[in-house]
Amino acid sequence: MAAPKVAVVGAGVVGLSTALCIAETCPSGSVTVLSDQFSPDTTSDAAAGILIPHTYPGTPIHVQKQWFKETFTYLFAISNSAEASEAGIHLVSGWQVFKNSPKEELPFWSDIVLGFRLMSKAELQKFPQHQFGQAFTTLKCDCPPYLLWLEKRLKAAGVQIYTRKVADLWELHSEYNVVVNCTGIGARQLVGDEKLFPVRGQVLKVHAPWVKNFIRDGDGLTYIYPGIHRVTLGGTREKDNWSLAPDPGTTKDIFDRCCSLEPSLRGAQDIKVKVGLRPSRQHVRLQREVLSQGGVKLPVIHNYGHGAGGFSVHRGTAKEAARLVGECIAALQGSSSRAKL
């Protein structure tokens, strides 16, 4: 058969990295990215981009750990290369602090991040309202530059990128042999996934270059993540809230909470507000489905529903989606060679 054609729908961090993995692992195929939204207008652009996993209740821990490890290894290599600043990736050290000791003092990812240890009493004096803490070094990804870096890598690999609103995956069956659905929160409407729901996140991006360490409250609601140019302050987790409009009261609340963790932030300047809708469900939907109408079949790989933890696992899930695409291509090539016999 002619070179199999693969369409990846969606151009957030999951869509772009999935397209890149397919291009790297299936060189016989031609890959196209289709999306109606690109950086800086994706949910990924609002993400904090820190590699601290969020647990998916419906996904086995060993699978989540593998996804995180593959993502950490991939980004760590970029952070150690000449492309680190262009890709917006750097190492950052800091603390995760708890008002009460967590059930698990050692999270499943403690041996993947660097230098994980429990905080000393002396360190905890910085956080008088917290009684337990973990110190470690992880990776921080400044999301807009990383998305642009991925787009550049895709173009260099010969991947076509088009602005197109896909209303129904079946509309692609006459143009493509395999379709990959990386539409994030858009999958609720596109494929009618009622298990997918938005968790609204509002964050502030501020100028505070003296803040060098990340600080995260163990409840996951309040966090301070220094990037290359700006510090991200968060946040909110508002289930089933679809509003993309910044809320001024929320902005003040986030700023006050972050200042209670790091009082020097009172001097932060140039406060910008970002809002994103995390595409959340009990587990990431990463599976193959075959659509068929009138005897015509279209293999679809779904890779969406990463919620608040998309950056932490994006490369791992992209590799798995690319493996499933490879299986589909092999099956198509097998059936076409059998048809010739």
Protein backbone atom coordinates (compact mmCIF):
# COMPACT_ATOMS: atom_id res chain seq x y z
CA MET A 1 0.00 0.00 0.00
CA ALA A 2 0.98 3.64 -0.35
CA ALA A 3 2.46 5.34 2.71
CA PRO A 4 -0.23 5.11 5.41
CA LYS A 5 -1.68 8.47 6.36
CA VAL A 6 -2.14 9.32 10.04
CA ALA A 7 -4.09 12.34 11.30
CA VAL A 8 -3.56 13.62 14.84
CA VAL A 9 -6.44 15.85 15.96
CA GLY A 10 -5.43 18.39 18.62
CA ALA A 11 -2.35 20.59 19.06
CA GLY A 12 -1.84 20.85 22.79
CA VAL A 13 1.13 19.20 24.46
CA VAL A 14 -0.45 15.74 24.09
CA GLY A 15 -1.34 16.13 20.41
CA LEU A 16 2.02 17.59 19.33
CA SER A 17 4.11 15.10 21.31
CA THR A 18 1.97 12.18 20.05
CA ALA A 19 2.48 13.34 16.45
CA LEU A 20 6.23 13.57 17.08
CA CYS A 21 6.38 10.05 18.56
CA ILE A 22 4.46 8.66 15.58
CA ALA A 23 6.81 10.41 13.14
CA GLU A 24 9.82 8.99 15.04
CA THR A 25 8.55 5.40 15.37
CA CYS A 26 6.54 4.94 12.14
CA PRO A 27 8.82 6.39 9.44
CA SER A 28 6.83 4.66 6.67
CA GLY A 29 3.74 6.76 7.46
CA SER A 30 2.87 10.36 6.72
CA VAL A 31 1.62 12.34 9.73
CA THR A 32 -0.65 15.40 9.75
CA VAL A 33 -1.73 17.50 12.76
CA LEU A 34 -5.21 19.05 12.52
CA SER A 35 -6.48 21.54 15.09
CA ASP A 36 -8.63 24.63 15.35
CA GLN A 37 -6.46 25.92 18.24
CA PHE A 38 -2.68 26.26 18.37
CA SER A 39 -0.29 27.90 20.84
CA PRO A 40 -0.81 30.36 22.51
CA ASP A 41 -4.53 29.45 22.59
CA THR A 42 -4.45 25.88 23.94
CA THR A 43 -5.16 24.61 27.45
CA SER A 44 -1.47 23.59 27.60
CA ASP A 45 -0.46 27.26 27.28
CA ALA A 46 -2.08 27.99 30.65
CA ALA A 47 -0.50 24.95 32.33
CA ALA A 48 2.14 25.36 35.03
CA GLY A 49 4.21 22.61 33.39
CA ILE A 50 5.90 21.24 36.50
CA LEU A 51 6.74 17.54 36.61
CA ILE A 52 4.91 16.45 39.77
CA PRO A 53 2.40 13.71 38.90
CA HIS A 54 -1.29 13.76 39.71
CA THR A 55 -2.74 10.36 40.53
CA TYR A 56 -5.42 8.96 38.22
CA PRO A 57 -7.71 6.76 40.37
CA GLY A 58 -8.61 4.46 37.44
CA THR A 59 -5.08 3.88 36.09
CA PRO A 60 -2.72 1.29 37.67
CA ILE A 61 0.12 3.00 39.57
CA HIS A 62 2.85 1.04 37.70
CA VAL A 63 1.47 2.43 34.40
CA GLN A 64 1.40 6.00 35.74
CA LYS A 65 4.94 5.56 37.02
CA GLN A 66 6.15 4.36 33.61
CA TRP A 67 4.50 7.32 31.84
CA PHE A 68 6.10 9.75 34.31
CA LYS A 69 9.52 8.12 34.07
CA GLU A 70 9.52 8.24 30.26
CA THR A 71 8.46 11.90 30.31
CA PHE A 72 11.03 12.85 32.95
CA THR A 73 13.84 11.05 31.07
CA TYR A 74 12.88 12.74 27.79
CA LEU A 75 12.68 16.27 29.24
CA PHE A 76 15.80 15.76 31.38
CA ALA A 77 17.78 15.04 28.19
CA ILE A 78 16.45 18.25 26.61
CA SER A 79 17.31 20.22 29.78
CA ASN A 80 20.88 18.91 29.40
CA SER A 81 21.15 20.03 25.77
CA ALA A 82 21.85 23.27 23.91
CA GLU A 83 18.11 23.46 23.12
CA ALA A 84 17.02 23.76 26.76
CA SER A 85 16.31 27.50 26.75
CA GLU A 86 14.52 27.44 23.38
CA ALA A 87 12.37 24.52 24.57
CA GLY A 88 11.70 26.29 27.88
CA ILE A 89 12.87 23.40 30.05
CA HIS A 90 14.99 23.67 33.20
CA LEU A 91 15.60 21.96 36.52
CA VAL A 92 14.04 23.52 39.61
CA SER A 93 14.43 22.56 43.27
CA GLY A 94 11.93 23.17 46.01
CA TRP A 95 9.53 21.90 48.60
CA GLN A 96 6.14 20.24 48.86
CA VAL A 97 4.74 21.01 52.31
CA PHE A 98 1.81 19.56 54.27
CA LYS A 99 -0.26 20.85 57.18
CA ASN A 100 -0.76 17.21 58.21
CA SER A 101 1.49 14.26 57.38
CA PRO A 102 0.29 12.53 54.18
CA LYS A 103 -0.72 8.85 54.16
CA GLU A 104 2.28 8.13 51.92
CA GLU A 105 5.47 9.84 52.99
CA LEU A 106 7.17 8.47 49.85
CA PRO A 107 5.01 9.03 46.74
CA PHE A 108 5.29 6.54 43.85
CA TRP A 109 7.42 9.01 41.87
CA SER A 110 9.96 9.75 44.63
CA ASP A 111 12.70 7.67 42.95
CA ILE A 112 12.25 9.38 39.55
CA VAL A 113 12.64 13.03 40.55
CA LEU A 114 16.14 13.97 41.71
CA GLY A 115 17.38 13.98 45.30
CA PHE A 116 14.04 13.28 46.99
CA ARG A 117 14.20 13.52 50.80
CA LEU A 118 12.07 14.52 53.75
CA MET A 119 12.54 18.10 54.94
CA SER A 120 14.45 18.83 58.12
CA LYS A 121 12.98 20.70 61.09
CA ALA A 122 15.20 23.66 60.24
CA GLU A 123 13.82 23.85 56.68
CA LEU A 124 10.26 23.56 57.93
CA GLN A 125 10.76 26.74 59.97
CA LYS A 126 10.23 28.58 56.67
CA PHE A 127 6.66 27.23 56.67
CA PRO A 128 5.25 27.73 60.18
CA GLN A 129 1.75 26.51 59.20
CA HIS A 130 3.08 23.20 57.86
CA GLN A 131 4.47 20.30 59.86
CA PHE A 132 5.74 17.89 57.18
CA GLY A 133 7.55 18.38 53.89
CA GLN A 134 9.40 16.80 50.99
CA ALA A 135 12.35 18.37 49.19
CA PHE A 136 13.37 17.40 45.65
CA THR A 137 14.51 18.64 42.25
CA THR A 138 12.25 18.23 39.24
CA LEU A 139 11.76 19.69 35.76
CA LYS A 140 9.79 22.80 34.88
CA CYS A 141 8.51 23.37 31.39
CA ASP A 142 7.59 26.87 30.18
CA CYS A 143 4.68 25.74 28.08
CA PRO A 144 4.35 28.20 25.17
CA PRO A 145 8.03 27.88 24.13
CA TYR A 146 7.85 24.09 24.52
CA LEU A 147 4.82 23.89 22.21
CA LEU A 148 6.61 26.04 19.61
CA TRP A 149 9.70 23.83 19.96
CA LEU A 150 7.56 20.73 19.36
CA GLU A 151 5.99 22.37 16.28
CA LYS A 152 9.49 23.11 14.95
CA ARG A 153 10.54 19.49 15.53
CA LEU A 154 7.41 18.26 13.75
CA LYS A 155 8.04 20.42 10.69
CA ALA A 156 11.65 19.19 10.55
CA ALA A 157 10.33 15.60 10.60
CA GLY A 158 8.06 16.33 7.61
CA VAL A 159 4.80 16.46 9.57
CA GLN A 160 2.10 18.63 7.98
CA ILE A 161 0.24 21.04 10.32
CA TYR A 162 -3.13 22.50 9.32
CA THR A 163 -5.72 24.69 11.02
CA ARG A 164 -8.97 22.77 10.73
CA LYS A 165 -12.00 22.26 12.94
CA VAL A 166 -12.90 18.58 13.01
CA ALA A 167 -16.58 18.18 13.94
CA ASP A 168 -16.70 14.37 13.57
CA LEU A 169 -13.76 11.93 13.41
CA TRP A 170 -15.57 9.98 10.67
CA GLU A 171 -15.22 12.95 8.30
CA LEU A 172 -11.50 12.02 8.08
CA HIS A 173 -12.05 8.42 6.86
CA SER A 174 -11.65 9.21 3.15
CA GLU A 175 -8.36 11.10 3.68
CA TYR A 176 -6.56 9.14 6.43
CA ASN A 177 -5.93 5.50 7.33
CA VAL A 178 -5.57 6.08 11.10
CA VAL A 179 -6.86 8.93 13.27
CA VAL A 180 -5.50 9.88 16.72
CA ASN A 181 -7.82 11.82 19.01
CA CYS A 182 -5.86 14.22 21.27
CA THR A 183 -8.59 16.82 21.66
CA GLY A 184 -8.51 17.19 25.46
CA ILE A 185 -11.69 18.76 26.80
CA GLY A 186 -12.95 18.95 23.19
CA ALA A 187 -13.44 15.17 23.24
CA ARG A 188 -16.55 15.61 25.34
CA GLN A 189 -18.34 17.05 22.33
CA LEU A 190 -16.30 15.39 19.54
CA VAL A 191 -16.80 11.79 20.69
CA GLY A 192 -19.57 12.34 23.25
CA ASP A 193 -17.49 11.28 26.25
CA GLU A 194 -19.73 11.98 29.25
CA LYS A 195 -17.00 10.74 31.64
CA LEU A 196 -14.86 13.75 30.71
CA PHE A 197 -15.38 16.96 32.68
CA PRO A 198 -13.56 20.29 32.98
CA VAL A 199 -11.64 21.27 36.11
CA ARG A 200 -11.14 25.01 35.78
CA GLY A 201 -7.72 26.32 36.70
CA GLN A 202 -6.85 29.98 37.15
CA VAL A 203 -3.20 30.97 37.58
CA LEU A 204 -1.16 34.16 37.76
CA LYS A 205 2.09 34.72 35.87
CA VAL A 206 4.17 37.31 37.71
CA HIS A 207 7.56 38.97 37.52
CA ALA A 208 9.45 37.96 40.68
CA PRO A 209 12.95 36.93 39.55
CA TRP A 210 14.24 36.52 43.11
CA VAL A 211 11.99 33.46 43.63
CA LYS A 212 14.17 30.50 42.65
CA ASN A 213 12.55 27.53 44.44
CA PHE A 214 9.17 25.97 43.83
CA ILE A 215 6.78 25.69 46.77
CA ARG A 216 3.69 23.49 46.59
CA ASP A 217 1.11 22.93 49.29
CA GLY A 218 0.42 19.21 49.53
CA ASP A 219 -3.30 19.83 48.95
CA GLY A 220 -2.34 20.83 45.39
CA LEU A 221 -4.32 24.07 45.52
CA THR A 222 -1.58 26.59 46.31
CA TYR A 223 1.69 26.55 44.40
CA ILE A 224 4.58 28.75 43.31
CA TYR A 225 6.54 27.54 40.27
CA PRO A 226 9.40 29.71 38.99
CA GLY A 227 9.89 29.57 35.22
CA ILE A 228 12.63 31.00 33.04
CA HIS A 229 10.99 34.45 32.75
CA ARG A 230 7.98 34.45 35.06
CA VAL A 231 6.72 32.75 38.22
CA THR A 232 3.41 30.85 38.03
CA LEU A 233 1.16 31.28 41.09
CA GLY A 234 -1.86 29.06 41.60
CA GLY A 235 -4.37 27.96 41.70
CA THR A 236 -7.90 26.60 41.56
CA ARG A 237 -9.60 23.27 40.90
CA GLU A 238 -13.20 24.02 39.98
CA LYS A 239 -15.00 20.92 38.73
CA ASP A 240 -17.57 21.38 35.92
CA ASN A 241 -16.84 25.11 35.62
CA TRP A 242 -16.51 25.97 31.89
CA SER A 243 -15.73 29.69 32.32
CA LEU A 244 -12.53 30.91 30.64
CA ALA A 245 -12.98 34.45 32.00
CA PRO A 246 -10.53 35.43 34.77
CA ASP A 247 -12.22 36.05 38.12
CA PRO A 248 -10.77 39.07 40.04
CA GLY A 249 -11.77 37.68 43.44
CA THR A 250 -9.96 34.43 42.62
CA THR A 251 -6.88 36.39 41.53
CA LYS A 252 -6.73 38.10 44.92
CA ASP A 253 -7.28 34.81 46.76
CA ILE A 254 -4.48 33.05 44.81
CA PHE A 255 -2.10 35.95 45.41
CA ASP A 256 -2.84 36.05 49.15
CA ARG A 257 -2.42 32.26 49.52
CA CYS A 258 0.90 32.31 47.68
CA CYS A 259 2.13 35.27 49.74
CA SER A 260 1.40 33.33 52.92
CA LEU A 261 3.81 30.63 51.64
CA GLU A 262 6.36 33.10 50.23
CA PRO A 263 5.87 36.62 51.73
CA SER A 264 8.42 38.20 49.35
CA LEU A 265 5.87 37.76 46.55
CA ARG A 266 4.16 40.94 47.86
CA GLY A 267 6.77 42.68 45.70
CA ALA A 268 5.80 40.80 42.52
CA GLN A 269 5.00 42.93 39.49
CA ASP A 270 3.28 42.72 36.10
CA ILE A 271 0.61 40.21 37.13
CA LYS A 272 -1.04 38.40 34.19
CA VAL A 273 -3.97 36.00 34.63
CA LYS A 274 -4.45 32.75 32.69
CA VAL A 275 -7.37 30.32 32.75
CA GLY A 276 -7.49 26.75 31.40
CA LEU A 277 -9.93 23.84 31.51
CA ARG A 278 -8.18 20.65 32.59
CA PRO A 279 -9.67 17.69 30.64
CA SER A 280 -10.38 15.38 33.57
CA ARG A 281 -11.74 11.85 33.99
CA GLN A 282 -11.08 8.87 36.29
CA HIS A 283 -8.29 7.69 34.01
CA VAL A 284 -6.60 8.83 30.80
CA ARG A 285 -8.42 7.38 27.80
CA LEU A 286 -5.60 5.71 25.89
CA GLN A 287 -7.08 2.99 23.71
CA ARG A 288 -7.88 1.81 20.21
CA GLU A 289 -11.38 1.92 18.72
CA VAL A 290 -12.54 0.98 15.22
CA LEU A 291 -15.25 3.16 13.71
CA SER A 292 -17.17 1.58 10.85
CA GLN A 293 -19.92 2.61 8.49
CA GLY A 294 -21.20 0.58 5.55
CA GLY A 295 -18.31 -1.87 5.67
CA VAL A 296 -15.68 0.92 5.75
CA LYS A 297 -13.46 0.90 8.84
CA LEU A 298 -11.44 3.70 10.44
CA PRO A 299 -9.04 2.81 13.28
CA VAL A 300 -8.96 5.54 15.96
CA ILE A 301 -6.48 5.85 18.83
CA HIS A 302 -7.76 7.96 21.73
CA ASN A 303 -5.23 9.80 23.91
CA TYR A 304 -6.99 12.37 26.10
CA GLY A 305 -8.29 13.02 29.62
CA HIS A 306 -4.95 13.88 31.27
CA GLY A 307 -6.55 16.34 33.71
CA ALA A 308 -4.09 18.34 35.81
CA GLY A 309 -1.21 15.95 35.11
CA GLY A 310 -0.77 16.23 31.34
CA PHE A 311 2.73 17.68 31.34
CA SER A 312 3.98 15.10 33.83
CA VAL A 313 3.01 12.14 31.62
CA HIS A 314 2.66 13.57 28.10
CA ARG A 315 5.66 11.84 26.53
CA GLY A 316 4.85 8.48 28.13
CA THR A 317 1.27 8.48 26.86
CA ALA A 318 2.44 9.75 23.44
CA LYS A 319 4.82 6.76 23.16
CA GLU A 320 2.01 4.35 24.01
CA ALA A 321 -0.36 6.01 21.51
CA ALA A 322 2.37 5.81 18.83
CA ARG A 323 2.82 2.09 19.60
CA LEU A 324 -0.93 1.56 19.05
CA VAL A 325 -0.73 3.51 15.78
CA GLY A 326 2.17 1.27 14.70
CA GLU A 327 0.00 -1.81 15.36
CA CYS A 328 -2.80 -0.34 13.23
CA ILE A 329 -0.39 0.44 10.38
CA ALA A 330 1.10 -3.07 10.55
CA ALA A 331 -2.42 -4.57 10.40
CA LEU A 332 -3.34 -2.36 7.42
CA GLN A 333 -0.13 -3.27 5.57
CA GLY A 334 -0.71 -6.95 6.36
CA SER A 335 -4.26 -6.89 5.01
CA SER A 336 -3.20 -5.00 1.89
CA SER A 337 -0.43 -7.52 1.11
CA ARG A 338 -2.88 -10.37 1.69
CA ALA A 339 -5.31 -8.68 -0.68
CA LYS A 340 -2.59 -8.71 -3.39
CA LEU A 341 -2.26 -12.50 -3.00
